[in-house]
Amino acid sequence: LCLLREQASTGTLAVAGGTLRFPAAGGAWPGATNVVVSGGTLSLLKKGVFDKSAAIAVSGAGKIELGEGVVQRCASLTTNGVEVLPGVYGSSASGAPNPLEAFFSGKGQLRVGEIGMYILIR
């Protein structure tokens, strides 16, 4: 399925099989608050498909393809039920400092949370 127009709805976007593609000249889903990829492929071939406040979860056979030059921001990323630390993720081909081959393909990157220095005081 290829989405060519911006979607006005809000809520959860779920990909459980097949491929959901947002082409370079196509649509976006800025109102998606949760993006769940449990099977199949979510293909993001343009920047800013989702708002940076979206929570993204990928598990099982799910995969996120990020096109060359794409940097998608999100508030959080969960892989197989485990939330990852803020940072930049993608496939090894993306040059991201945190490659996750099991969940990403393509040359783009996913920027998770606010990246910077954190100080933990116990």
Protein backbone atom coordinates (compact mmCIF):
# COMPACT_ATOMS: atom_id res chain seq x y z
CA LEU A 1 0.00 0.00 0.00
CA CYS A 2 1.39 3.40 -0.98
CA LEU A 3 0.06 6.53 0.76
CA LEU A 4 0.25 9.55 -1.54
CA ARG A 5 -1.65 12.13 0.55
CA GLU A 6 -1.36 13.49 4.06
CA GLN A 7 -3.63 11.65 6.48
CA ALA A 8 -5.72 13.80 8.83
CA SER A 9 -6.59 11.12 11.40
CA THR A 10 -4.86 10.60 14.73
CA GLY A 11 -4.06 7.58 16.84
CA THR A 12 -2.20 4.33 16.22
CA LEU A 13 -0.84 3.23 12.87
CA ALA A 14 -0.21 -0.54 12.79
CA VAL A 15 1.68 -2.55 10.16
CA ALA A 16 1.24 -6.30 10.68
CA GLY A 17 2.12 -7.58 7.20
CA GLY A 18 2.91 -6.48 3.67
CA THR A 19 4.46 -3.07 2.97
CA LEU A 20 3.13 0.37 3.87
CA ARG A 21 5.08 2.93 1.82
CA PHE A 22 5.30 6.69 2.22
CA PRO A 23 7.01 7.70 -1.05
CA ALA A 24 9.41 10.62 -1.47
CA ALA A 25 6.74 12.69 -3.22
CA GLY A 26 3.89 11.30 -1.18
CA GLY A 27 1.95 11.64 2.00
CA ALA A 28 2.53 11.84 5.71
CA TRP A 29 0.67 10.93 8.90
CA PRO A 30 1.51 13.75 11.34
CA GLY A 31 -1.31 12.77 13.71
CA ALA A 32 -0.02 9.25 14.37
CA THR A 33 0.72 9.06 18.09
CA ASN A 34 1.85 5.42 18.05
CA VAL A 35 3.43 3.55 15.16
CA VAL A 36 3.53 -0.23 15.61
CA VAL A 37 5.37 -2.49 13.14
CA SER A 38 4.89 -6.13 14.16
CA GLY A 39 5.26 -7.70 10.73
CA GLY A 40 5.92 -6.57 7.19
CA THR A 41 7.70 -3.33 6.31
CA LEU A 42 7.07 0.34 7.02
CA SER A 43 8.85 2.21 4.22
CA LEU A 44 9.65 5.88 4.85
CA LEU A 45 11.15 7.47 1.75
CA LYS A 46 10.78 11.10 2.87
CA LYS A 47 11.54 13.14 5.98
CA GLY A 48 8.91 14.02 8.55
CA VAL A 49 6.28 11.38 7.81
CA PHE A 50 5.35 11.35 11.51
CA ASP A 51 5.51 14.10 14.12
CA LYS A 52 8.54 13.92 16.41
CA SER A 53 6.20 13.19 19.35
CA ALA A 54 5.25 9.76 17.93
CA ALA A 55 6.22 6.58 19.79
CA ILE A 56 7.52 3.86 17.45
CA ALA A 57 7.53 0.14 18.29
CA VAL A 58 8.96 -2.58 16.06
CA SER A 59 8.96 -6.27 16.88
CA GLY A 60 9.10 -9.79 15.51
CA ALA A 61 9.42 -9.83 11.73
CA GLY A 62 8.64 -6.10 11.48
CA LYS A 63 11.11 -3.85 9.68
CA ILE A 64 11.42 -0.12 9.04
CA GLU A 65 12.99 0.93 5.74
CA LEU A 66 14.43 4.44 5.79
CA GLY A 67 15.29 5.95 2.40
CA GLU A 68 18.60 7.61 1.64
CA GLY A 69 18.83 11.04 3.26
CA VAL A 70 15.76 10.46 5.44
CA VAL A 71 16.01 11.44 9.11
CA GLN A 72 12.76 10.64 10.90
CA ARG A 73 12.43 11.94 14.47
CA CYS A 74 10.36 10.24 17.18
CA ALA A 75 9.86 10.49 20.93
CA SER A 76 10.67 6.85 21.69
CA LEU A 77 11.61 3.55 20.07
CA THR A 78 10.74 0.12 21.44
CA THR A 79 12.25 -3.05 19.94
CA ASN A 80 10.69 -6.39 20.91
CA GLY A 81 9.14 -4.74 23.95
CA VAL A 82 12.32 -3.04 25.21
CA GLU A 83 12.62 0.76 25.03
CA VAL A 84 15.98 1.88 23.63
CA LEU A 85 17.99 4.87 24.82
CA PRO A 86 17.80 8.19 22.99
CA GLY A 87 20.11 8.22 19.99
CA VAL A 88 20.33 7.67 16.24
CA TYR A 89 19.34 4.25 14.89
CA GLY A 90 19.23 2.57 11.49
CA SER A 91 20.86 -0.17 9.46
CA SER A 92 24.64 -0.48 9.13
CA ALA A 93 24.29 1.06 5.65
CA SER A 94 22.90 4.26 7.23
CA GLY A 95 26.02 5.15 9.16
CA ALA A 96 23.90 5.46 12.32
CA PRO A 97 25.94 5.06 15.51
CA ASN A 98 23.40 2.50 16.78
CA PRO A 99 22.77 -0.01 13.98
CA LEU A 100 19.91 -2.47 14.52
CA GLU A 101 19.96 -4.76 11.47
CA ALA A 102 17.05 -6.85 12.74
CA PHE A 103 14.68 -3.89 12.55
CA PHE A 104 16.04 -1.41 9.98
CA SER A 105 17.03 -1.34 6.33
CA GLY A 106 18.04 1.44 3.95
CA LYS A 107 20.38 4.41 4.24
CA GLY A 108 18.20 6.72 6.35
CA GLN A 109 18.19 7.21 10.12
CA LEU A 110 15.72 7.30 13.00
CA ARG A 111 16.51 9.96 15.63
CA VAL A 112 15.01 8.90 18.96
CA GLY A 113 14.27 11.38 21.75
CA GLU A 114 16.25 14.45 22.61
CA ILE A 115 19.89 13.69 22.05
CA GLY A 116 22.46 15.36 24.23
CA MET A 117 24.15 14.97 27.57
CA TYR A 118 22.21 13.30 30.35
CA ILE A 119 23.23 13.34 33.99
CA LEU A 120 21.83 10.65 36.24
CA ILE A 121 21.91 11.38 39.95
CA ARG A 122 21.14 8.55 42.35
